[in-house]
């Protein structure tokens, strides 16, 4: 049971995977979605930082 709780926290609460997808999709799909979302969020943060730096110039 603890494994499911840990995966729920990491994928849904932290990773941004929708809860209904978490309960109905297979694990490999969930991990791919979470990884893609994490990559997108890192890119977005870098892009926002770039815009802030650009506006300062």
N, C-alpha and C. Protein backbone atom coordinates (compact mmCIF):
# COMPACT_ATOMS: atom_id res chain seq x y z
N UNK A 1 0.83 -1.21 0.00
CA UNK A 1 0.00 0.00 0.00
C UNK A 1 0.87 1.26 0.00
N UNK A 2 1.95 1.22 0.71
CA UNK A 2 2.82 2.40 0.80
C UNK A 2 3.36 2.79 -0.58
N UNK A 3 3.65 1.80 -1.41
CA UNK A 3 4.16 2.06 -2.75
C UNK A 3 3.14 2.86 -3.57
N UNK A 4 1.87 2.52 -3.45
CA UNK A 4 0.82 3.25 -4.18
C UNK A 4 0.72 4.68 -3.67
N UNK A 5 0.80 4.84 -2.37
CA UNK A 5 0.74 6.19 -1.79
C UNK A 5 1.92 7.04 -2.25
N UNK A 6 3.11 6.44 -2.27
CA UNK A 6 4.29 7.17 -2.72
C UNK A 6 4.17 7.56 -4.19
N UNK A 7 3.70 6.64 -5.01
CA UNK A 7 3.53 6.93 -6.43
C UNK A 7 2.46 8.00 -6.64
N UNK A 8 1.39 7.94 -5.86
CA UNK A 8 0.33 8.96 -5.97
C UNK A 8 0.91 10.34 -5.68
N UNK A 9 1.64 10.45 -4.59
CA UNK A 9 2.22 11.75 -4.21
C UNK A 9 3.17 12.23 -5.29
N UNK A 10 4.07 11.36 -5.74
CA UNK A 10 5.08 11.81 -6.70
C UNK A 10 4.49 12.10 -8.08
N UNK A 11 3.52 11.30 -8.51
CA UNK A 11 2.97 11.49 -9.85
C UNK A 11 1.84 12.51 -9.91
N UNK A 12 0.93 12.46 -8.97
CA UNK A 12 -0.25 13.34 -9.01
C UNK A 12 0.03 14.68 -8.33
N UNK A 13 0.45 14.63 -7.10
CA UNK A 13 0.62 15.88 -6.36
C UNK A 13 1.85 16.66 -6.79
N UNK A 14 2.94 15.98 -7.08
CA UNK A 14 4.16 16.66 -7.48
C UNK A 14 4.29 16.74 -9.00
N UNK A 15 4.03 15.62 -9.67
CA UNK A 15 4.25 15.53 -11.11
C UNK A 15 3.16 16.12 -11.98
N UNK A 16 2.00 16.38 -11.41
CA UNK A 16 0.93 17.00 -12.17
C UNK A 16 0.08 16.07 -13.02
N UNK A 17 0.22 14.76 -12.80
CA UNK A 17 -0.62 13.81 -13.55
C UNK A 17 -2.04 13.90 -13.00
N UNK A 18 -3.05 14.04 -13.86
CA UNK A 18 -4.43 14.08 -13.37
C UNK A 18 -4.80 12.80 -12.61
N UNK A 19 -5.56 12.96 -11.55
CA UNK A 19 -5.90 11.83 -10.69
C UNK A 19 -6.63 10.72 -11.42
N UNK A 20 -7.57 11.07 -12.30
CA UNK A 20 -8.30 10.01 -13.01
C UNK A 20 -7.39 9.21 -13.93
N UNK A 21 -6.37 9.86 -14.50
CA UNK A 21 -5.40 9.12 -15.32
C UNK A 21 -4.56 8.22 -14.44
N UNK A 22 -4.17 8.69 -13.27
CA UNK A 22 -3.37 7.89 -12.34
C UNK A 22 -4.06 6.57 -12.03
N UNK A 23 -5.35 6.60 -11.77
CA UNK A 23 -6.06 5.39 -11.36
C UNK A 23 -6.40 4.47 -12.53
N UNK A 24 -6.37 4.96 -13.76
CA UNK A 24 -6.81 4.13 -14.88
C UNK A 24 -5.74 3.79 -15.92
N UNK A 25 -4.57 4.36 -15.82
CA UNK A 25 -3.51 4.12 -16.81
C UNK A 25 -2.46 3.16 -16.25
N UNK A 26 -1.71 2.54 -17.17
CA UNK A 26 -0.65 1.65 -16.69
C UNK A 26 0.56 2.48 -16.24
N UNK A 27 1.40 1.86 -15.46
CA UNK A 27 2.51 2.56 -14.82
C UNK A 27 3.49 3.16 -15.82
N UNK A 28 3.81 2.44 -16.88
CA UNK A 28 4.78 2.97 -17.85
C UNK A 28 4.26 4.26 -18.49
N UNK A 29 2.97 4.31 -18.78
CA UNK A 29 2.36 5.53 -19.32
C UNK A 29 2.45 6.67 -18.31
N UNK A 30 2.14 6.37 -17.05
CA UNK A 30 2.19 7.40 -16.01
C UNK A 30 3.58 7.98 -15.86
N UNK A 31 4.58 7.12 -15.88
CA UNK A 31 5.95 7.60 -15.74
C UNK A 31 6.36 8.47 -16.92
N UNK A 32 5.91 8.10 -18.11
CA UNK A 32 6.21 8.91 -19.30
C UNK A 32 5.54 10.27 -19.21
N UNK A 33 4.29 10.30 -18.80
CA UNK A 33 3.57 11.58 -18.65
C UNK A 33 4.25 12.46 -17.60
N UNK A 34 4.62 11.86 -16.48
CA UNK A 34 5.27 12.63 -15.42
C UNK A 34 6.62 13.17 -15.88
N UNK A 35 7.38 12.35 -16.59
CA UNK A 35 8.68 12.79 -17.09
C UNK A 35 8.52 13.93 -18.10
N UNK A 36 7.57 13.77 -19.01
CA UNK A 36 7.33 14.83 -20.00
C UNK A 36 6.90 16.12 -19.33
N UNK A 37 6.05 16.01 -18.34
CA UNK A 37 5.58 17.19 -17.62
C UNK A 37 6.75 17.86 -16.89
N UNK A 38 7.62 17.07 -16.29
CA UNK A 38 8.76 17.63 -15.58
C UNK A 38 9.69 18.36 -16.54
N UNK A 39 9.93 17.78 -17.69
CA UNK A 39 10.77 18.43 -18.71
C UNK A 39 10.13 19.74 -19.15
N UNK A 40 8.83 19.72 -19.41
CA UNK A 40 8.13 20.93 -19.83
C UNK A 40 8.22 22.01 -18.75
N UNK A 41 8.02 21.64 -17.51
CA UNK A 41 8.06 22.61 -16.42
C UNK A 41 9.45 23.23 -16.27
N UNK A 42 10.50 22.42 -16.46
CA UNK A 42 11.87 22.97 -16.41
C UNK A 42 12.09 23.94 -17.55
N UNK A 43 11.63 23.58 -18.74
CA UNK A 43 11.78 24.48 -19.88
C UNK A 43 11.04 25.78 -19.63
N UNK A 44 9.81 25.69 -19.14
CA UNK A 44 9.00 26.88 -18.88
C UNK A 44 9.68 27.79 -17.87
N UNK A 45 10.23 27.22 -16.83
CA UNK A 45 10.92 28.02 -15.82
C UNK A 45 12.12 28.74 -16.43
N UNK A 46 12.88 28.04 -17.26
CA UNK A 46 14.04 28.66 -17.93
C UNK A 46 13.57 29.78 -18.87
N UNK A 47 12.49 29.54 -19.59
CA UNK A 47 11.96 30.55 -20.51
C UNK A 47 11.49 31.78 -19.74
N UNK A 48 10.84 31.59 -18.61
CA UNK A 48 10.40 32.72 -17.80
C UNK A 48 11.60 33.50 -17.28
N UNK A 49 12.63 32.79 -16.85
CA UNK A 49 13.84 33.45 -16.36
C UNK A 49 14.51 34.24 -17.48
N UNK A 50 14.54 33.67 -18.67
CA UNK A 50 15.12 34.35 -19.83
C UNK A 50 14.36 35.66 -20.11
N UNK A 51 13.04 35.61 -20.05
CA UNK A 51 12.24 36.82 -20.28
C UNK A 51 12.50 37.88 -19.22
N UNK A 52 12.65 37.46 -17.99
CA UNK A 52 12.95 38.41 -16.90
C UNK A 52 14.29 39.09 -17.16
N UNK A 53 15.29 38.28 -17.51
CA UNK A 53 16.62 38.83 -17.79
C UNK A 53 16.58 39.76 -19.00
N UNK A 54 15.82 39.39 -19.99
CA UNK A 54 15.70 40.20 -21.20
C UNK A 54 15.07 41.56 -20.91
N UNK A 55 14.05 41.57 -20.05
CA UNK A 55 13.39 42.83 -19.70
C UNK A 55 14.29 43.74 -18.88
N UNK A 56 15.23 43.18 -18.17
CA UNK A 56 16.15 43.99 -17.36
C UNK A 56 17.16 44.75 -18.22
N UNK A 57 17.42 44.26 -19.40
CA UNK A 57 18.42 44.90 -20.27
C UNK A 57 17.90 46.13 -20.92
